[in-house]
Amino acid sequence: QVLARELQAVNIHMDLAPVMDVDSNPANPVIGDRSFSADPDLVSRMGCALLKGLQSSGVAACAKHFPGHGDTSKDSHFDLPRLPHPLSRLEKVELPPFQSAISAGVSAIMTAHVIFEALDPAHPATISHAVLTRLLRQKMGFDGVIISDALEMKAISAHFPIDEVAVKGANAGLDLLAICENPDLQNQAIDALALATERGIVPWKQIERANRRIDRLMKQYVRPPADSSDLSVLGCPEHRAIVERLSSVPVGPDPTERSTS
């Protein structure tokens, strides 16, 4: 709730959190202490507490990185990770936190640039129909906004041209494609998506469904910016007291490190 109040004070209406990845691999170079735990149940409980606090105070939450980036040994900013786990393992470890987030009403879910061989050996989850539509939409029952992780990351950009990513991503089930730093890539993706829609490669109903989900999220959470923001809430004594109370809680050893000893 403190996070939400301070975000709203600076006119931010969505937080790309919580991380729902299970920190099960001590060699993971990218998730680490962004994860709550190596225990899927603790990740579920802590992640849902965070997303409920955000959303109950008017800021949309986004669970990430679906279907789970916690056991990779490569950083998807620079490489394309692959995970060979069977579906039974994913259902036991990686998926439960996301199912909990869905049950808790999370507004959005962000994808992982990771290939899950049991689900789709040819495509990372971000552009996989098997992962985003068959698993996340149909099997797990999520009808919120699906957002890609940043598409400039090398896991995607070094392996797939942006035109292909835009089209495959839309058909896989993405509602929002995150191209965060490169306006030329943004325009290229928009043009590719528009042309594919005109040609029927991306069905118009897919665009309509994405627009419906995005409109619903914006109607629920986005507010006009205040004429004069009251920034006194930032770091106010009430919030500092909460931070100090949380900081005083004893922190045990990192669960992943403990599992390797």
C-alpha atoms as a PDB file:
ATOM      1  CA  GLN A   1       0.000   0.000   0.000  1.00  0.00           C
ATOM      2  CA  VAL A   2       2.922   2.341   0.718  1.00  0.00           C
ATOM      3  CA  LEU A   3       4.335   1.573  -2.720  1.00  0.00           C
ATOM      4  CA  ALA A   4       0.984   2.338  -4.337  1.00  0.00           C
ATOM      5  CA  ARG A   5       0.501   5.630  -2.487  1.00  0.00           C
ATOM      6  CA  GLU A   6       3.933   6.890  -3.460  1.00  0.00           C
ATOM      7  CA  LEU A   7       3.585   5.736  -7.079  1.00  0.00           C
ATOM      8  CA  GLN A   8       0.253   7.524  -7.385  1.00  0.00           C
ATOM      9  CA  ALA A   9       1.804  10.695  -5.997  1.00  0.00           C
ATOM     10  CA  VAL A  10       4.028  10.854  -9.091  1.00  0.00           C
ATOM     11  CA  ASN A  11       1.230   9.763 -11.468  1.00  0.00           C
ATOM     12  CA  ILE A  12       2.341   6.158 -11.981  1.00  0.00           C
ATOM     13  CA  HIS A  13      -0.623   3.805 -12.285  1.00  0.00           C
ATOM     14  CA  MET A  14       1.039   0.432 -12.849  1.00  0.00           C
ATOM     15  CA  ASP A  15       3.908  -1.375 -11.147  1.00  0.00           C
ATOM     16  CA  LEU A  16       5.604  -4.189 -13.093  1.00  0.00           C
ATOM     17  CA  ALA A  17       5.715  -6.296  -9.923  1.00  0.00           C
ATOM     18  CA  PRO A  18       5.633  -8.710  -8.196  1.00  0.00           C
ATOM     19  CA  VAL A  19       8.294 -11.122  -9.389  1.00  0.00           C
ATOM     20  CA  MET A  20       6.649 -14.546  -9.062  1.00  0.00           C
ATOM     21  CA  ASP A  21       9.699 -16.531 -10.172  1.00  0.00           C
ATOM     22  CA  VAL A  22      10.845 -19.272  -7.797  1.00  0.00           C
ATOM     23  CA  ASP A  23      14.548 -18.788  -6.997  1.00  0.00           C
ATOM     24  CA  SER A  24      15.479 -22.446  -7.336  1.00  0.00           C
ATOM     25  CA  ASN A  25      18.840 -22.171  -9.131  1.00  0.00           C
ATOM     26  CA  PRO A  26      21.888 -20.767  -7.317  1.00  0.00           C
ATOM     27  CA  ALA A  27      23.532 -20.176 -10.712  1.00  0.00           C
ATOM     28  CA  ASN A  28      20.708 -17.920 -11.912  1.00  0.00           C
ATOM     29  CA  PRO A  29      22.382 -14.654 -12.974  1.00  0.00           C
ATOM     30  CA  VAL A  30      19.264 -12.503 -13.396  1.00  0.00           C
ATOM     31  CA  ILE A  31      16.487 -13.269 -10.870  1.00  0.00           C
ATOM     32  CA  GLY A  32      18.337 -13.724  -7.567  1.00  0.00           C
ATOM     33  CA  ASP A  33      16.936 -11.676  -4.705  1.00  0.00           C
ATOM     34  CA  ARG A  34      14.188 -10.241  -6.892  1.00  0.00           C
ATOM     35  CA  SER A  35      12.436 -13.522  -6.053  1.00  0.00           C
ATOM     36  CA  PHE A  36      10.796 -13.943  -2.671  1.00  0.00           C
ATOM     37  CA  SER A  37      12.029 -17.478  -2.116  1.00  0.00           C
ATOM     38  CA  ALA A  38      13.021 -20.909  -3.389  1.00  0.00           C
ATOM     39  CA  ASP A  39       9.721 -22.163  -1.947  1.00  0.00           C
ATOM     40  CA  PRO A  40       6.793 -21.872  -4.399  1.00  0.00           C
ATOM     41  CA  ASP A  41       4.292 -21.532  -1.551  1.00  0.00           C
ATOM     42  CA  LEU A  42       6.159 -18.618   0.020  1.00  0.00           C
ATOM     43  CA  VAL A  43       6.536 -16.943  -3.381  1.00  0.00           C
ATOM     44  CA  SER A  44       2.781 -17.330  -3.858  1.00  0.00           C
ATOM     45  CA  ARG A  45       1.864 -15.892  -0.459  1.00  0.00           C
ATOM     46  CA  MET A  46       4.312 -12.974  -0.538  1.00  0.00           C
ATOM     47  CA  GLY A  47       3.638 -12.135  -4.172  1.00  0.00           C
ATOM     48  CA  CYS A  48      -0.117 -12.138  -3.669  1.00  0.00           C
ATOM     49  CA  ALA A  49       0.239  -9.939  -0.578  1.00  0.00           C
ATOM     50  CA  LEU A  50       2.213  -7.421  -2.632  1.00  0.00           C
ATOM     51  CA  LEU A  51      -0.157  -7.400  -5.595  1.00  0.00           C
ATOM     52  CA  LYS A  52      -3.210  -7.091  -3.336  1.00  0.00           C
ATOM     53  CA  GLY A  53      -1.609  -4.166  -1.524  1.00  0.00           C
ATOM     54  CA  LEU A  54      -0.872  -2.394  -4.789  1.00  0.00           C
ATOM     55  CA  GLN A  55      -4.252  -3.002  -6.387  1.00  0.00           C
ATOM     56  CA  SER A  56      -6.327  -2.292  -3.294  1.00  0.00           C
ATOM     57  CA  SER A  57      -4.685   1.127  -3.255  1.00  0.00           C
ATOM     58  CA  GLY A  58      -5.325   1.839  -6.928  1.00  0.00           C
ATOM     59  CA  VAL A  59      -2.154   0.726  -8.739  1.00  0.00           C
ATOM     60  CA  ALA A  60      -2.250  -2.166 -11.214  1.00  0.00           C
ATOM     61  CA  ALA A  61       0.150  -5.054 -10.550  1.00  0.00           C
ATOM     62  CA  CYS A  62       1.921  -7.295 -13.053  1.00  0.00           C
ATOM     63  CA  ALA A  63       3.161 -10.782 -12.136  1.00  0.00           C
ATOM     64  CA  LYS A  64       6.360 -11.839 -13.912  1.00  0.00           C
ATOM     65  CA  HIS A  65       8.074 -13.654 -15.680  1.00  0.00           C
ATOM     66  CA  PHE A  66       5.588 -16.270 -16.911  1.00  0.00           C
ATOM     67  CA  PRO A  67       5.850 -19.240 -16.831  1.00  0.00           C
ATOM     68  CA  GLY A  68       8.941 -18.887 -14.627  1.00  0.00           C
ATOM     69  CA  HIS A  69      12.495 -17.531 -14.976  1.00  0.00           C
ATOM     70  CA  GLY A  70      13.807 -18.749 -11.626  1.00  0.00           C
ATOM     71  CA  ASP A  71      15.689 -21.885 -12.692  1.00  0.00           C
ATOM     72  CA  THR A  72      17.615 -20.527 -15.673  1.00  0.00           C
ATOM     73  CA  SER A  73      21.409 -20.314 -15.731  1.00  0.00           C
ATOM     74  CA  LYS A  74      21.446 -17.671 -18.467  1.00  0.00           C
ATOM     75  CA  ASP A  75      20.417 -14.018 -18.354  1.00  0.00           C
ATOM     76  CA  SER A  76      17.767 -13.325 -21.000  1.00  0.00           C
ATOM     77  CA  HIS A  77      19.099  -9.791 -21.377  1.00  0.00           C
ATOM     78  CA  PHE A  78      22.055 -11.399 -23.173  1.00  0.00           C
ATOM     79  CA  ASP A  79      21.163 -15.026 -24.031  1.00  0.00           C
ATOM     80  CA  LEU A  80      18.138 -17.192 -24.802  1.00  0.00           C
ATOM     81  CA  PRO A  81      17.677 -19.639 -21.907  1.00  0.00           C
ATOM     82  CA  ARG A  82      16.119 -23.081 -22.346  1.00  0.00           C
ATOM     83  CA  LEU A  83      14.544 -25.211 -19.653  1.00  0.00           C
ATOM     84  CA  PRO A  84      14.044 -28.968 -20.201  1.00  0.00           C
ATOM     85  CA  HIS A  85      11.658 -29.511 -17.274  1.00  0.00           C
ATOM     86  CA  PRO A  86       8.621 -31.717 -17.910  1.00  0.00           C
ATOM     87  CA  LEU A  87       5.174 -30.255 -17.389  1.00  0.00           C
ATOM     88  CA  SER A  88       4.862 -32.144 -14.092  1.00  0.00           C
ATOM     89  CA  ARG A  89       7.810 -30.195 -12.681  1.00  0.00           C
ATOM     90  CA  LEU A  90       6.453 -26.857 -13.966  1.00  0.00           C
ATOM     91  CA  GLU A  91       3.088 -27.609 -12.355  1.00  0.00           C
ATOM     92  CA  LYS A  92       4.832 -28.291  -9.040  1.00  0.00           C
ATOM     93  CA  VAL A  93       7.332 -25.417  -8.900  1.00  0.00           C
ATOM     94  CA  GLU A  94       7.055 -22.694 -11.539  1.00  0.00           C
ATOM     95  CA  LEU A  95       3.318 -22.382 -12.198  1.00  0.00           C
ATOM     96  CA  PRO A  96       1.705 -22.320  -8.714  1.00  0.00           C
ATOM     97  CA  PRO A  97       2.728 -18.710  -7.913  1.00  0.00           C
ATOM     98  CA  PHE A  98       1.196 -17.494 -11.169  1.00  0.00           C
ATOM     99  CA  GLN A  99      -1.974 -19.490 -10.570  1.00  0.00           C
ATOM    100  CA  SER A 100      -2.174 -17.887  -7.134  1.00  0.00           C
ATOM    101  CA  ALA A 101      -1.714 -14.444  -8.664  1.00  0.00           C
ATOM    102  CA  ILE A 102      -4.498 -15.123 -11.143  1.00  0.00           C
ATOM    103  CA  SER A 103      -6.793 -16.260  -8.322  1.00  0.00           C
ATOM    104  CA  ALA A 104      -5.902 -13.076  -6.435  1.00  0.00           C
ATOM    105  CA  GLY A 105      -7.023 -10.962  -9.393  1.00  0.00           C
ATOM    106  CA  VAL A 106      -3.697  -9.733 -10.769  1.00  0.00           C
ATOM    107  CA  SER A 107      -4.264  -7.220 -13.563  1.00  0.00           C
ATOM    108  CA  ALA A 108      -1.408  -8.228 -15.848  1.00  0.00           C
ATOM    109  CA  ILE A 109       1.237 -10.884 -16.405  1.00  0.00           C
ATOM    110  CA  MET A 110       4.631 -10.381 -18.065  1.00  0.00           C
ATOM    111  CA  THR A 111       6.220 -13.098 -20.191  1.00  0.00           C
ATOM    112  CA  ALA A 112       9.634 -14.764 -19.909  1.00  0.00           C
ATOM    113  CA  HIS A 113      12.059 -14.832 -22.833  1.00  0.00           C
ATOM    114  CA  VAL A 114      12.733 -18.497 -22.079  1.00  0.00           C
ATOM    115  CA  ILE A 115      12.137 -21.642 -24.142  1.00  0.00           C
ATOM    116  CA  PHE A 116      10.251 -24.291 -22.178  1.00  0.00           C
ATOM    117  CA  GLU A 117      10.924 -27.449 -24.136  1.00  0.00           C
ATOM    118  CA  ALA A 118       7.947 -29.367 -22.748  1.00  0.00           C
ATOM    119  CA  LEU A 119       5.575 -26.617 -23.908  1.00  0.00           C
ATOM    120  CA  ASP A 120       7.142 -25.293 -27.130  1.00  0.00           C
ATOM    121  CA  PRO A 121      10.672 -26.365 -28.109  1.00  0.00           C
ATOM    122  CA  ALA A 122      10.909 -23.837 -30.946  1.00  0.00           C
ATOM    123  CA  HIS A 123       9.760 -20.542 -29.396  1.00  0.00           C
ATOM    124  CA  PRO A 124      10.374 -18.599 -26.197  1.00  0.00           C
ATOM    125  CA  ALA A 125       7.273 -18.143 -24.072  1.00  0.00           C
ATOM    126  CA  THR A 126       6.887 -14.524 -25.245  1.00  0.00           C
ATOM    127  CA  ILE A 127       5.922 -15.598 -28.769  1.00  0.00           C
ATOM    128  CA  SER A 128       4.498 -19.057 -28.035  1.00  0.00           C
ATOM    129  CA  HIS A 129       0.803 -19.744 -28.625  1.00  0.00           C
ATOM    130  CA  ALA A 130       1.165 -22.955 -26.620  1.00  0.00           C
ATOM    131  CA  VAL A 131       2.390 -21.027 -23.579  1.00  0.00           C
ATOM    132  CA  LEU A 132       0.319 -17.833 -23.706  1.00  0.00           C
ATOM    133  CA  THR A 133      -2.983 -19.048 -25.124  1.00  0.00           C
ATOM    134  CA  ARG A 134      -3.250 -22.768 -24.443  1.00  0.00           C
ATOM    135  CA  LEU A 135      -1.576 -22.696 -21.021  1.00  0.00           C
ATOM    136  CA  LEU A 136      -2.069 -19.206 -19.572  1.00  0.00           C
ATOM    137  CA  ARG A 137      -5.415 -18.256 -21.135  1.00  0.00           C
ATOM    138  CA  GLN A 138      -7.217 -21.558 -21.543  1.00  0.00           C
ATOM    139  CA  LYS A 139      -5.786 -23.877 -18.887  1.00  0.00           C
ATOM    140  CA  MET A 140      -5.008 -21.346 -16.141  1.00  0.00           C
ATOM    141  CA  GLY A 141      -7.951 -19.054 -16.882  1.00  0.00           C
ATOM    142  CA  PHE A 142      -6.202 -15.669 -17.120  1.00  0.00           C
ATOM    143  CA  ASP A 143      -8.099 -12.934 -18.952  1.00  0.00           C
ATOM    144  CA  GLY A 144      -6.046  -9.930 -17.914  1.00  0.00           C
ATOM    145  CA  VAL A 145      -3.399  -8.103 -19.929  1.00  0.00           C
ATOM    146  CA  ILE A 146      -0.376 -10.093 -21.128  1.00  0.00           C
ATOM    147  CA  ILE A 147       2.718  -7.916 -21.555  1.00  0.00           C
ATOM    148  CA  SER A 148       5.970  -9.004 -23.138  1.00  0.00           C
ATOM    149  CA  ASP A 149       9.245  -8.469 -21.388  1.00  0.00           C
ATOM    150  CA  ALA A 150      11.401  -5.920 -23.232  1.00  0.00           C
ATOM    151  CA  LEU A 151      11.826  -7.029 -26.822  1.00  0.00           C
ATOM    152  CA  GLU A 152      15.244  -5.382 -27.206  1.00  0.00           C
ATOM    153  CA  MET A 153      16.674  -8.049 -24.886  1.00  0.00           C
ATOM    154  CA  LYS A 154      19.107 -10.345 -26.704  1.00  0.00           C
ATOM    155  CA  ALA A 155      17.064 -13.468 -25.959  1.00  0.00           C
ATOM    156  CA  ILE A 156      14.615 -12.092 -28.534  1.00  0.00           C
ATOM    157  CA  SER A 157      16.456  -9.538 -30.661  1.00  0.00           C
ATOM    158  CA  ALA A 158      19.451 -11.771 -31.413  1.00  0.00           C
ATOM    159  CA  HIS A 159      17.269 -14.646 -32.610  1.00  0.00           C
ATOM    160  CA  PHE A 160      14.090 -13.206 -34.144  1.00  0.00           C
ATOM    161  CA  PRO A 161      13.498 -10.139 -36.363  1.00  0.00           C
ATOM    162  CA  ILE A 162      11.105  -7.616 -34.840  1.00  0.00           C
ATOM    163  CA  ASP A 163       8.579  -8.054 -37.675  1.00  0.00           C
ATOM    164  CA  GLU A 164       8.301 -11.757 -36.848  1.00  0.00           C
ATOM    165  CA  VAL A 165       8.142 -11.052 -33.119  1.00  0.00           C
ATOM    166  CA  ALA A 166       5.290  -8.576 -33.502  1.00  0.00           C
ATOM    167  CA  VAL A 167       3.191 -10.953 -35.599  1.00  0.00           C
ATOM    168  CA  LYS A 168       3.957 -14.140 -33.683  1.00  0.00           C
ATOM    169  CA  GLY A 169       3.557 -12.342 -30.382  1.00  0.00           C
ATOM    170  CA  ALA A 170       0.129 -11.015 -31.293  1.00  0.00           C
ATOM    171  CA  ASN A 171      -1.013 -14.412 -32.524  1.00  0.00           C
ATOM    172  CA  ALA A 172       0.449 -16.089 -29.439  1.00  0.00           C
ATOM    173  CA  GLY A 173      -1.681 -13.911 -27.171  1.00  0.00           C
ATOM    174  CA  LEU A 174       0.318 -10.792 -26.293  1.00  0.00           C
ATOM    175  CA  ASP A 175      -1.772  -7.680 -25.632  1.00  0.00           C
ATOM    176  CA  LEU A 176       1.178  -5.301 -25.242  1.00  0.00           C
ATOM    177  CA  LEU A 177       4.615  -5.511 -26.865  1.00  0.00           C
ATOM    178  CA  ALA A 178       7.258  -3.747 -24.774  1.00  0.00           C
ATOM    179  CA  ILE A 179       9.773  -1.950 -26.984  1.00  0.00           C
ATOM    180  CA  CYS A 180      11.219   0.458 -24.493  1.00  0.00           C
ATOM    181  CA  GLU A 181      14.243   2.219 -25.992  1.00  0.00           C
ATOM    182  CA  ASN A 182      14.223   2.204 -29.795  1.00  0.00           C
ATOM    183  CA  PRO A 183      11.625   4.315 -31.680  1.00  0.00           C
ATOM    184  CA  ASP A 184      12.664   2.782 -35.015  1.00  0.00           C
ATOM    185  CA  LEU A 185      11.918  -0.705 -33.700  1.00  0.00           C
ATOM    186  CA  GLN A 186       8.613   0.551 -32.309  1.00  0.00           C
ATOM    187  CA  ASN A 187       7.572   1.887 -35.711  1.00  0.00           C
ATOM    188  CA  GLN A 188       8.763  -1.269 -37.465  1.00  0.00           C
ATOM    189  CA  ALA A 189       6.704  -3.443 -35.129  1.00  0.00           C
ATOM    190  CA  ILE A 190       3.614  -1.248 -35.563  1.00  0.00           C
ATOM    191  CA  ASP A 191       3.935  -1.390 -39.357  1.00  0.00           C
ATOM    192  CA  ALA A 192       4.431  -5.158 -39.342  1.00  0.00           C
ATOM    193  CA  LEU A 193       1.421  -5.670 -37.101  1.00  0.00           C
ATOM    194  CA  ALA A 194      -0.780  -3.347 -39.176  1.00  0.00           C
ATOM    195  CA  LEU A 195       0.207  -5.073 -42.421  1.00  0.00           C
ATOM    196  CA  ALA A 196      -0.339  -8.531 -40.938  1.00  0.00           C
ATOM    197  CA  THR A 197      -3.781  -7.474 -39.753  1.00  0.00           C
ATOM    198  CA  GLU A 198      -4.688  -6.076 -43.178  1.00  0.00           C
ATOM    199  CA  ARG A 199      -3.633  -9.361 -44.775  1.00  0.00           C
ATOM    200  CA  GLY A 200      -5.489 -11.493 -42.249  1.00  0.00           C
ATOM    201  CA  ILE A 201      -2.310 -13.042 -40.839  1.00  0.00           C
ATOM    202  CA  VAL A 202      -3.250 -11.586 -37.459  1.00  0.00           C
ATOM    203  CA  PRO A 203      -7.037 -11.883 -37.051  1.00  0.00           C
ATOM    204  CA  TRP A 204      -8.802  -8.619 -36.290  1.00  0.00           C
ATOM    205  CA  LYS A 205     -10.578 -10.324 -33.396  1.00  0.00           C
ATOM    206  CA  GLN A 206      -7.151 -10.792 -31.780  1.00  0.00           C
ATOM    207  CA  ILE A 207      -6.598  -7.018 -31.890  1.00  0.00           C
ATOM    208  CA  GLU A 208     -10.091  -6.395 -30.522  1.00  0.00           C
ATOM    209  CA  ARG A 209      -9.527  -8.765 -27.604  1.00  0.00           C
ATOM    210  CA  ALA A 210      -6.238  -7.061 -26.760  1.00  0.00           C
ATOM    211  CA  ASN A 211      -7.860  -3.621 -26.917  1.00  0.00           C
ATOM    212  CA  ARG A 212     -10.685  -4.788 -24.669  1.00  0.00           C
ATOM    213  CA  ARG A 213      -8.284  -6.016 -22.007  1.00  0.00           C
ATOM    214  CA  ILE A 214      -6.128  -2.883 -22.157  1.00  0.00           C
ATOM    215  CA  ASP A 215      -9.173  -0.590 -22.029  1.00  0.00           C
ATOM    216  CA  ARG A 216     -10.500  -2.469 -19.010  1.00  0.00           C
ATOM    217  CA  LEU A 217      -7.210  -2.110 -17.144  1.00  0.00           C
ATOM    218  CA  MET A 218      -6.917   1.585 -17.973  1.00  0.00           C
ATOM    219  CA  LYS A 219     -10.500   2.300 -16.961  1.00  0.00           C
ATOM    220  CA  GLN A 220      -9.904   0.634 -13.604  1.00  0.00           C
ATOM    221  CA  TYR A 221      -6.536   2.147 -12.709  1.00  0.00           C
ATOM    222  CA  VAL A 222      -5.540   5.147 -14.827  1.00  0.00           C
ATOM    223  CA  ARG A 223      -6.488   8.569 -13.500  1.00  0.00           C
ATOM    224  CA  PRO A 224      -5.822  12.015 -14.989  1.00  0.00           C
ATOM    225  CA  PRO A 225      -2.663  13.626 -13.593  1.00  0.00           C
ATOM    226  CA  ALA A 226      -3.255  16.033 -10.754  1.00  0.00           C
ATOM    227  CA  ASP A 227      -2.800  19.725 -11.587  1.00  0.00           C
ATOM    228  CA  SER A 228      -0.471  20.063  -8.626  1.00  0.00           C
ATOM    229  CA  SER A 229       0.764  16.817  -7.133  1.00  0.00           C
ATOM    230  CA  ASP A 230       1.074  16.565  -3.369  1.00  0.00           C
ATOM    231  CA  LEU A 231       4.542  15.065  -2.985  1.00  0.00           C
ATOM    232  CA  SER A 232       4.480  15.229   0.799  1.00  0.00           C
ATOM    233  CA  VAL A 233       3.496  11.554   0.845  1.00  0.00           C
ATOM    234  CA  LEU A 234       6.938  10.583  -0.519  1.00  0.00           C
ATOM    235  CA  GLY A 235       9.027   9.304   2.358  1.00  0.00           C
ATOM    236  CA  CYS A 236       6.571  10.691   4.898  1.00  0.00           C
ATOM    237  CA  PRO A 237       6.990   9.726   8.572  1.00  0.00           C
ATOM    238  CA  GLU A 238       4.145   7.187   8.401  1.00  0.00           C
ATOM    239  CA  HIS A 239       5.778   5.413   5.453  1.00  0.00           C
ATOM    240  CA  ARG A 240       9.275   5.589   6.931  1.00  0.00           C
ATOM    241  CA  ALA A 241       7.987   3.971  10.098  1.00  0.00           C
ATOM    242  CA  ILE A 242       6.621   1.053   8.077  1.00  0.00           C
ATOM    243  CA  VAL A 243       9.909   0.681   6.200  1.00  0.00           C
ATOM    244  CA  GLU A 244      11.896   0.743   9.437  1.00  0.00           C
ATOM    245  CA  ARG A 245       9.607  -1.836  11.016  1.00  0.00           C
ATOM    246  CA  LEU A 246      10.048  -4.162   8.055  1.00  0.00           C
ATOM    247  CA  SER A 247      13.803  -3.552   7.996  1.00  0.00           C
ATOM    248  CA  SER A 248      14.064  -4.606  11.620  1.00  0.00           C
ATOM    249  CA  VAL A 249      12.754  -8.090  10.885  1.00  0.00           C
ATOM    250  CA  PRO A 250      15.681 -10.556  11.062  1.00  0.00           C
ATOM    251  CA  VAL A 251      16.613 -11.880   7.627  1.00  0.00           C
ATOM    252  CA  GLY A 252      17.853 -15.449   7.410  1.00  0.00           C
ATOM    253  CA  PRO A 253      20.289 -16.856   4.865  1.00  0.00           C
ATOM    254  CA  ASP A 254      19.375 -16.756   1.203  1.00  0.00           C
ATOM    255  CA  PRO A 255      17.219 -19.867   0.583  1.00  0.00           C
ATOM    256  CA  THR A 256      19.024 -20.771  -2.627  1.00  0.00           C
ATOM    257  CA  GLU A 257      22.424 -20.481  -1.020  1.00  0.00           C
ATOM    258  CA  ARG A 258      21.228 -22.613   1.891  1.00  0.00           C
ATOM    259  CA  SER A 259      20.014 -25.310  -0.494  1.00  0.00           C
ATOM    260  CA  THR A 260      23.531 -25.735  -1.912  1.00  0.00           C
ATOM    261  CA  SER A 261      25.348 -26.066   1.390  1.00  0.00           C
END
